[in-house]
Amino acid sequence: MDTFNVHEAKTHLSQLLDRVSRGEEIILARGGRPIAKLVPIVAETRRPGRLAGRITMAADFDAPLPEAMLAAFRGERN
């Protein structure tokens, strides 16, 4: 993991970003003291259907709510 001072990083930002995009981590320093780290963003992978068979839904999940609960959603008191 290489360290660059802020001035040098500003001068070579494009090259540093290229390195980071290839998986490297870069430390930025001010006056020789580390202050930040440039790290690659790891894309979140989605796999449609990965929970198939693990989630169940009640047969009546979309049945109308009881009147008392509907009244509560409307802000009415019984």
PDB file of N, CA and C in Angstrom:
ATOM      1  N   MET A   1       0.854  -1.160   0.000  1.00  0.00           N
ATOM      2  CA  MET A   1       0.000   0.000   0.000  1.00  0.00           C
ATOM      3  C   MET A   1       0.908   1.234   0.000  1.00  0.00           C
ATOM      4  N   ASP A   2       0.831   2.018  -1.058  1.00  0.00           N
ATOM      5  CA  ASP A   2       1.677   3.191  -1.194  1.00  0.00           C
ATOM      6  C   ASP A   2       1.029   4.409  -0.551  1.00  0.00           C
ATOM      7  N   THR A   3       1.867   5.353  -0.129  1.00  0.00           N
ATOM      8  CA  THR A   3       1.390   6.594   0.485  1.00  0.00           C
ATOM      9  C   THR A   3       1.831   7.769  -0.366  1.00  0.00           C
ATOM     10  N   PHE A   4       0.908   8.717  -0.569  1.00  0.00           N
ATOM     11  CA  PHE A   4       1.186   9.922  -1.347  1.00  0.00           C
ATOM     12  C   PHE A   4       0.721  11.121  -0.553  1.00  0.00           C
ATOM     13  N   ASN A   5       1.535  12.205  -0.618  1.00  0.00           N
ATOM     14  CA  ASN A   5       1.064  13.412   0.045  1.00  0.00           C
ATOM     15  C   ASN A   5      -0.010  14.059  -0.832  1.00  0.00           C
ATOM     16  N   VAL A   6      -0.783  14.946  -0.257  1.00  0.00           N
ATOM     17  CA  VAL A   6      -1.938  15.514  -0.937  1.00  0.00           C
ATOM     18  C   VAL A   6      -1.546  16.215  -2.232  1.00  0.00           C
ATOM     19  N   HIS A   7      -0.482  16.989  -2.213  1.00  0.00           N
ATOM     20  CA  HIS A   7      -0.060  17.703  -3.423  1.00  0.00           C
ATOM     21  C   HIS A   7       0.264  16.723  -4.539  1.00  0.00           C
ATOM     22  N   GLU A   8       1.014  15.697  -4.213  1.00  0.00           N
ATOM     23  CA  GLU A   8       1.378  14.683  -5.213  1.00  0.00           C
ATOM     24  C   GLU A   8       0.126  13.948  -5.712  1.00  0.00           C
ATOM     25  N   ALA A   9      -0.812  13.655  -4.808  1.00  0.00           N
ATOM     26  CA  ALA A   9      -2.041  12.965  -5.191  1.00  0.00           C
ATOM     27  C   ALA A   9      -2.876  13.824  -6.136  1.00  0.00           C
ATOM     28  N   LYS A  10      -2.943  15.136  -5.863  1.00  0.00           N
ATOM     29  CA  LYS A  10      -3.702  16.017  -6.762  1.00  0.00           C
ATOM     30  C   LYS A  10      -3.063  16.049  -8.138  1.00  0.00           C
ATOM     31  N   THR A  11      -1.757  16.038  -8.177  1.00  0.00           N
ATOM     32  CA  THR A  11      -1.039  16.088  -9.446  1.00  0.00           C
ATOM     33  C   THR A  11      -1.235  14.815 -10.262  1.00  0.00           C
ATOM     34  N   HIS A  12      -1.337  13.676  -9.595  1.00  0.00           N
ATOM     35  CA  HIS A  12      -1.403  12.376 -10.272  1.00  0.00           C
ATOM     36  C   HIS A  12      -2.705  11.632  -9.975  1.00  0.00           C
ATOM     37  N   LEU A  13      -3.792  12.358  -9.758  1.00  0.00           N
ATOM     38  CA  LEU A  13      -5.046  11.737  -9.355  1.00  0.00           C
ATOM     39  C   LEU A  13      -5.530  10.679 -10.350  1.00  0.00           C
ATOM     40  N   SER A  14      -5.464  10.973 -11.637  1.00  0.00           N
ATOM     41  CA  SER A  14      -5.939  10.003 -12.629  1.00  0.00           C
ATOM     42  C   SER A  14      -5.171   8.692 -12.542  1.00  0.00           C
ATOM     43  N   GLN A  15      -3.850   8.774 -12.400  1.00  0.00           N
ATOM     44  CA  GLN A  15      -3.051   7.556 -12.300  1.00  0.00           C
ATOM     45  C   GLN A  15      -3.371   6.794 -11.018  1.00  0.00           C
ATOM     46  N   LEU A  16      -3.583   7.517  -9.927  1.00  0.00           N
ATOM     47  CA  LEU A  16      -3.915   6.861  -8.662  1.00  0.00           C
ATOM     48  C   LEU A  16      -5.273   6.169  -8.759  1.00  0.00           C
ATOM     49  N   LEU A  17      -6.223   6.817  -9.406  1.00  0.00           N
ATOM     50  CA  LEU A  17      -7.538   6.202  -9.573  1.00  0.00           C
ATOM     51  C   LEU A  17      -7.459   4.959 -10.445  1.00  0.00           C
ATOM     52  N   ASP A  18      -6.596   4.979 -11.446  1.00  0.00           N
ATOM     53  CA  ASP A  18      -6.395   3.789 -12.274  1.00  0.00           C
ATOM     54  C   ASP A  18      -5.871   2.628 -11.417  1.00  0.00           C
ATOM     55  N   ARG A  19      -4.943   2.925 -10.554  1.00  0.00           N
ATOM     56  CA  ARG A  19      -4.378   1.888  -9.677  1.00  0.00           C
ATOM     57  C   ARG A  19      -5.436   1.350  -8.723  1.00  0.00           C
ATOM     58  N   VAL A  20      -6.225   2.265  -8.171  1.00  0.00           N
ATOM     59  CA  VAL A  20      -7.282   1.848  -7.250  1.00  0.00           C
ATOM     60  C   VAL A  20      -8.309   0.985  -7.978  1.00  0.00           C
ATOM     61  N   SER A  21      -8.643   1.350  -9.217  1.00  0.00           N
ATOM     62  CA  SER A  21      -9.625   0.571  -9.971  1.00  0.00           C
ATOM     63  C   SER A  21      -9.123  -0.837 -10.263  1.00  0.00           C
ATOM     64  N   ARG A  22      -7.811  -1.035 -10.201  1.00  0.00           N
ATOM     65  CA  ARG A  22      -7.236  -2.373 -10.396  1.00  0.00           C
ATOM     66  C   ARG A  22      -7.122  -3.139  -9.078  1.00  0.00           C
ATOM     67  N   GLY A  23      -7.622  -2.537  -7.988  1.00  0.00           N
ATOM     68  CA  GLY A  23      -7.647  -3.247  -6.710  1.00  0.00           C
ATOM     69  C   GLY A  23      -6.677  -2.757  -5.663  1.00  0.00           C
ATOM     70  N   GLU A  24      -5.803  -1.820  -5.999  1.00  0.00           N
ATOM     71  CA  GLU A  24      -4.849  -1.320  -5.002  1.00  0.00           C
ATOM     72  C   GLU A  24      -5.530  -0.377  -4.018  1.00  0.00           C
ATOM     73  N   GLU A  25      -4.916  -0.224  -2.858  1.00  0.00           N
ATOM     74  CA  GLU A  25      -5.341   0.774  -1.890  1.00  0.00           C
ATOM     75  C   GLU A  25      -4.228   1.807  -1.774  1.00  0.00           C
ATOM     76  N   ILE A  26      -4.608   3.073  -1.713  1.00  0.00           N
ATOM     77  CA  ILE A  26      -3.644   4.170  -1.670  1.00  0.00           C
ATOM     78  C   ILE A  26      -3.916   5.003  -0.410  1.00  0.00           C
ATOM     79  N   ILE A  27      -2.859   5.325   0.312  1.00  0.00           N
ATOM     80  CA  ILE A  27      -2.981   6.172   1.498  1.00  0.00           C
ATOM     81  C   ILE A  27      -2.631   7.603   1.100  1.00  0.00           C
ATOM     82  N   LEU A  28      -3.457   8.563   1.516  1.00  0.00           N
ATOM     83  CA  LEU A  28      -3.167   9.981   1.308  1.00  0.00           C
ATOM     84  C   LEU A  28      -2.700  10.571   2.627  1.00  0.00           C
ATOM     85  N   ALA A  29      -1.658  11.388   2.544  1.00  0.00           N
ATOM     86  CA  ALA A  29      -1.078  11.956   3.756  1.00  0.00           C
ATOM     87  C   ALA A  29      -0.932  13.464   3.617  1.00  0.00           C
ATOM     88  N   ARG A  30      -0.956  14.126   4.756  1.00  0.00           N
ATOM     89  CA  ARG A  30      -0.694  15.573   4.814  1.00  0.00           C
ATOM     90  C   ARG A  30       0.409  15.763   5.842  1.00  0.00           C
ATOM     91  N   GLY A  31       1.501  16.324   5.393  1.00  0.00           N
ATOM     92  CA  GLY A  31       2.639  16.515   6.294  1.00  0.00           C
ATOM     93  C   GLY A  31       3.185  15.206   6.820  1.00  0.00           C
ATOM     94  N   GLY A  32       3.084  14.159   5.999  1.00  0.00           N
ATOM     95  CA  GLY A  32       3.615  12.865   6.405  1.00  0.00           C
ATOM     96  C   GLY A  32       2.672  12.057   7.279  1.00  0.00           C
ATOM     97  N   ARG A  33       1.533  12.627   7.664  1.00  0.00           N
ATOM     98  CA  ARG A  33       0.567  11.909   8.508  1.00  0.00           C
ATOM     99  C   ARG A  33      -0.579  11.390   7.648  1.00  0.00           C
ATOM    100  N   PRO A  34      -0.856  10.108   7.701  1.00  0.00           N
ATOM    101  CA  PRO A  34      -1.964   9.543   6.923  1.00  0.00           C
ATOM    102  C   PRO A  34      -3.290  10.177   7.331  1.00  0.00           C
ATOM    103  N   ILE A  35      -4.097  10.562   6.316  1.00  0.00           N
ATOM    104  CA  ILE A  35      -5.390  11.177   6.626  1.00  0.00           C
ATOM    105  C   ILE A  35      -6.550  10.500   5.906  1.00  0.00           C
ATOM    106  N   ALA A  36      -6.284   9.747   4.857  1.00  0.00           N
ATOM    107  CA  ALA A  36      -7.370   9.115   4.109  1.00  0.00           C
ATOM    108  C   ALA A  36      -6.822   7.924   3.344  1.00  0.00           C
ATOM    109  N   LYS A  37      -7.762   7.072   2.927  1.00  0.00           N
ATOM    110  CA  LYS A  37      -7.387   5.908   2.138  1.00  0.00           C
ATOM    111  C   LYS A  37      -8.302   5.837   0.922  1.00  0.00           C
ATOM    112  N   LEU A  38      -7.712   5.670  -0.254  1.00  0.00           N
ATOM    113  CA  LEU A  38      -8.470   5.431  -1.481  1.00  0.00           C
ATOM    114  C   LEU A  38      -8.572   3.920  -1.639  1.00  0.00           C
ATOM    115  N   VAL A  39      -9.804   3.426  -1.716  1.00  0.00           N
ATOM    116  CA  VAL A  39     -10.018   1.991  -1.875  1.00  0.00           C
ATOM    117  C   VAL A  39     -11.012   1.762  -3.005  1.00  0.00           C
ATOM    118  N   PRO A  40     -10.921   0.634  -3.685  1.00  0.00           N
ATOM    119  CA  PRO A  40     -11.881   0.355  -4.761  1.00  0.00           C
ATOM    120  C   PRO A  40     -13.261   0.088  -4.182  1.00  0.00           C
ATOM    121  N   ILE A  41     -14.276   0.463  -4.940  1.00  0.00           N
ATOM    122  CA  ILE A  41     -15.643   0.162  -4.562  1.00  0.00           C
ATOM    123  C   ILE A  41     -15.972  -1.212  -5.122  1.00  0.00           C
ATOM    124  N   VAL A  42     -16.406  -2.088  -4.254  1.00  0.00           N
ATOM    125  CA  VAL A  42     -16.762  -3.433  -4.671  1.00  0.00           C
ATOM    126  C   VAL A  42     -18.251  -3.436  -5.001  1.00  0.00           C
ATOM    127  N   ALA A  43     -18.563  -3.722  -6.241  1.00  0.00           N
ATOM    128  CA  ALA A  43     -19.956  -3.723  -6.677  1.00  0.00           C
ATOM    129  C   ALA A  43     -20.714  -4.833  -5.968  1.00  0.00           C
ATOM    130  N   GLU A  44     -21.894  -4.485  -5.517  1.00  0.00           N
ATOM    131  CA  GLU A  44     -22.746  -5.465  -4.867  1.00  0.00           C
ATOM    132  C   GLU A  44     -23.348  -6.370  -5.938  1.00  0.00           C
ATOM    133  N   THR A  45     -23.202  -7.649  -5.743  1.00  0.00           N
ATOM    134  CA  THR A  45     -23.740  -8.568  -6.736  1.00  0.00           C
ATOM    135  C   THR A  45     -25.124  -9.029  -6.298  1.00  0.00           C
ATOM    136  N   ARG A  46     -26.035  -9.024  -7.231  1.00  0.00           N
ATOM    137  CA  ARG A  46     -27.392  -9.492  -6.979  1.00  0.00           C
ATOM    138  C   ARG A  46     -27.622 -10.747  -7.786  1.00  0.00           C
ATOM    139  N   ARG A  47     -28.223 -11.706  -7.151  1.00  0.00           N
ATOM    140  CA  ARG A  47     -28.557 -12.946  -7.837  1.00  0.00           C
ATOM    141  C   ARG A  47     -30.054 -13.162  -7.698  1.00  0.00           C
ATOM    142  N   PRO A  48     -30.827 -12.795  -8.693  1.00  0.00           N
ATOM    143  CA  PRO A  48     -32.272 -13.006  -8.617  1.00  0.00           C
ATOM    144  C   PRO A  48     -32.586 -14.476  -8.355  1.00  0.00           C
ATOM    145  N   GLY A  49     -33.498 -14.680  -7.432  1.00  0.00           N
ATOM    146  CA  GLY A  49     -33.932 -16.035  -7.127  1.00  0.00           C
ATOM    147  C   GLY A  49     -33.105 -16.739  -6.076  1.00  0.00           C
ATOM    148  N   ARG A  50     -32.123 -16.078  -5.495  1.00  0.00           N
ATOM    149  CA  ARG A  50     -31.260 -16.772  -4.539  1.00  0.00           C
ATOM    150  C   ARG A  50     -31.995 -17.180  -3.265  1.00  0.00           C
ATOM    151  N   LEU A  51     -33.150 -16.582  -2.994  1.00  0.00           N
ATOM    152  CA  LEU A  51     -33.917 -16.955  -1.811  1.00  0.00           C
ATOM    153  C   LEU A  51     -35.118 -17.829  -2.160  1.00  0.00           C
ATOM    154  N   ALA A  52     -35.170 -18.305  -3.366  1.00  0.00           N
ATOM    155  CA  ALA A  52     -36.294 -19.147  -3.798  1.00  0.00           C
ATOM    156  C   ALA A  52     -36.418 -20.350  -2.869  1.00  0.00           C
ATOM    157  N   GLY A  53     -37.649 -20.595  -2.410  1.00  0.00           N
ATOM    158  CA  GLY A  53     -37.901 -21.717  -1.529  1.00  0.00           C
ATOM    159  C   GLY A  53     -37.610 -21.438  -0.070  1.00  0.00           C
ATOM    160  N   ARG A  54     -37.018 -20.283   0.248  1.00  0.00           N
ATOM    161  CA  ARG A  54     -36.682 -19.947   1.636  1.00  0.00           C
ATOM    162  C   ARG A  54     -37.626 -18.908   2.216  1.00  0.00           C
ATOM    163  N   ILE A  55     -38.450 -18.312   1.382  1.00  0.00           N
ATOM    164  CA  ILE A  55     -39.397 -17.307   1.839  1.00  0.00           C
ATOM    165  C   ILE A  55     -40.795 -17.828   1.559  1.00  0.00           C
ATOM    166  N   THR A  56     -41.642 -17.742   2.573  1.00  0.00           N
ATOM    167  CA  THR A  56     -43.021 -18.165   2.383  1.00  0.00           C
ATOM    168  C   THR A  56     -43.940 -16.985   2.660  1.00  0.00           C
ATOM    169  N   MET A  57     -45.101 -17.029   2.046  1.00  0.00           N
ATOM    170  CA  MET A  57     -46.074 -15.967   2.194  1.00  0.00           C
ATOM    171  C   MET A  57     -47.416 -16.622   2.515  1.00  0.00           C
ATOM    172  N   ALA A  58     -48.099 -16.085   3.503  1.00  0.00           N
ATOM    173  CA  ALA A  58     -49.396 -16.639   3.877  1.00  0.00           C
ATOM    174  C   ALA A  58     -50.363 -16.527   2.700  1.00  0.00           C
ATOM    175  N   ALA A  59     -51.263 -17.484   2.612  1.00  0.00           N
ATOM    176  CA  ALA A  59     -52.227 -17.490   1.510  1.00  0.00           C
ATOM    177  C   ALA A  59     -53.115 -16.250   1.528  1.00  0.00           C
ATOM    178  N   ASP A  60     -53.333 -15.686   2.709  1.00  0.00           N
ATOM    179  CA  ASP A  60     -54.222 -14.526   2.822  1.00  0.00           C
ATOM    180  C   ASP A  60     -53.454 -13.208   3.035  1.00  0.00           C
ATOM    181  N   PHE A  61     -52.207 -13.149   2.564  1.00  0.00           N
ATOM    182  CA  PHE A  61     -51.394 -11.958   2.818  1.00  0.00           C
ATOM    183  C   PHE A  61     -52.016 -10.679   2.274  1.00  0.00           C
ATOM    184  N   ASP A  62     -52.839 -10.787   1.249  1.00  0.00           N
ATOM    185  CA  ASP A  62     -53.433  -9.589   0.661  1.00  0.00           C
ATOM    186  C   ASP A  62     -54.921  -9.448   1.002  1.00  0.00           C
ATOM    187  N   ALA A  63     -55.340 -10.169   2.037  1.00  0.00           N
ATOM    188  CA  ALA A  63     -56.735 -10.062   2.472  1.00  0.00           C
ATOM    189  C   ALA A  63     -56.960  -8.677   3.087  1.00  0.00           C
ATOM    190  N   PRO A  64     -58.188  -8.166   3.025  1.00  0.00           N
ATOM    191  CA  PRO A  64     -58.470  -6.854   3.623  1.00  0.00           C
ATOM    192  C   PRO A  64     -58.154  -6.846   5.119  1.00  0.00           C
ATOM    193  N   LEU A  65     -57.693  -5.707   5.606  1.00  0.00           N
ATOM    194  CA  LEU A  65     -57.382  -5.567   7.031  1.00  0.00           C
ATOM    195  C   LEU A  65     -58.669  -5.420   7.829  1.00  0.00           C
ATOM    196  N   PRO A  66     -58.621  -5.815   9.105  1.00  0.00           N
ATOM    197  CA  PRO A  66     -59.782  -5.606   9.964  1.00  0.00           C
ATOM    198  C   PRO A  66     -60.075  -4.104  10.091  1.00  0.00           C
ATOM    199  N   GLU A  67     -61.324  -3.770  10.306  1.00  0.00           N
ATOM    200  CA  GLU A  67     -61.732  -2.362  10.375  1.00  0.00           C
ATOM    201  C   GLU A  67     -60.976  -1.600  11.458  1.00  0.00           C
ATOM    202  N   ALA A  68     -60.710  -2.215  12.584  1.00  0.00           N
ATOM    203  CA  ALA A  68     -59.993  -1.533  13.670  1.00  0.00           C
ATOM    204  C   ALA A  68     -58.582  -1.122  13.219  1.00  0.00           C
ATOM    205  N   MET A  69     -57.927  -1.987  12.469  1.00  0.00           N
ATOM    206  CA  MET A  69     -56.582  -1.670  11.995  1.00  0.00           C
ATOM    207  C   MET A  69     -56.634  -0.578  10.921  1.00  0.00           C
ATOM    208  N   LEU A  70     -57.618  -0.628  10.051  1.00  0.00           N
ATOM    209  CA  LEU A  70     -57.778   0.420   9.048  1.00  0.00           C
ATOM    210  C   LEU A  70     -58.024   1.768   9.712  1.00  0.00           C
ATOM    211  N   ALA A  71     -58.828   1.772  10.762  1.00  0.00           N
ATOM    212  CA  ALA A  71     -59.098   3.006  11.505  1.00  0.00           C
ATOM    213  C   ALA A  71     -57.811   3.550  12.119  1.00  0.00           C
ATOM    214  N   ALA A  72     -56.957   2.665  12.636  1.00  0.00           N
ATOM    215  CA  ALA A  72     -55.685   3.099  13.222  1.00  0.00           C
ATOM    216  C   ALA A  72     -54.805   3.741  12.157  1.00  0.00           C
ATOM    217  N   PHE A  73     -54.780   3.188  10.947  1.00  0.00           N
ATOM    218  CA  PHE A  73     -53.993   3.785   9.859  1.00  0.00           C
ATOM    219  C   PHE A  73     -54.529   5.160   9.478  1.00  0.00           C
ATOM    220  N   ARG A  74     -55.811   5.339   9.612  1.00  0.00           N
ATOM    221  CA  ARG A  74     -56.418   6.637   9.309  1.00  0.00           C
ATOM    222  C   ARG A  74     -56.273   7.620  10.461  1.00  0.00           C
ATOM    223  N   GLY A  75     -55.723   7.161  11.587  1.00  0.00           N
ATOM    224  CA  GLY A  75     -55.542   8.036  12.741  1.00  0.00           C
ATOM    225  C   GLY A  75     -56.780   8.157  13.604  1.00  0.00           C
ATOM    226  N   GLU A  76     -57.731   7.281  13.411  1.00  0.00           N
ATOM    227  CA  GLU A  76     -58.968   7.304  14.184  1.00  0.00           C
ATOM    228  C   GLU A  76     -58.810   6.450  15.423  1.00  0.00           C
ATOM    229  N   ARG A  77     -59.484   6.834  16.477  1.00  0.00           N
ATOM    230  CA  ARG A  77     -59.456   6.055  17.714  1.00  0.00           C
ATOM    231  C   ARG A  77     -60.782   5.319  17.864  1.00  0.00           C
ATOM    232  N   ASN A  78     -60.731   4.160  18.450  1.00  0.00           N
ATOM    233  CA  ASN A  78     -61.967   3.390  18.683  1.00  0.00           C
ATOM    234  C   ASN A  78     -62.707   3.914  19.871  1.00  0.00           C
TER     235      ASN A  78
END
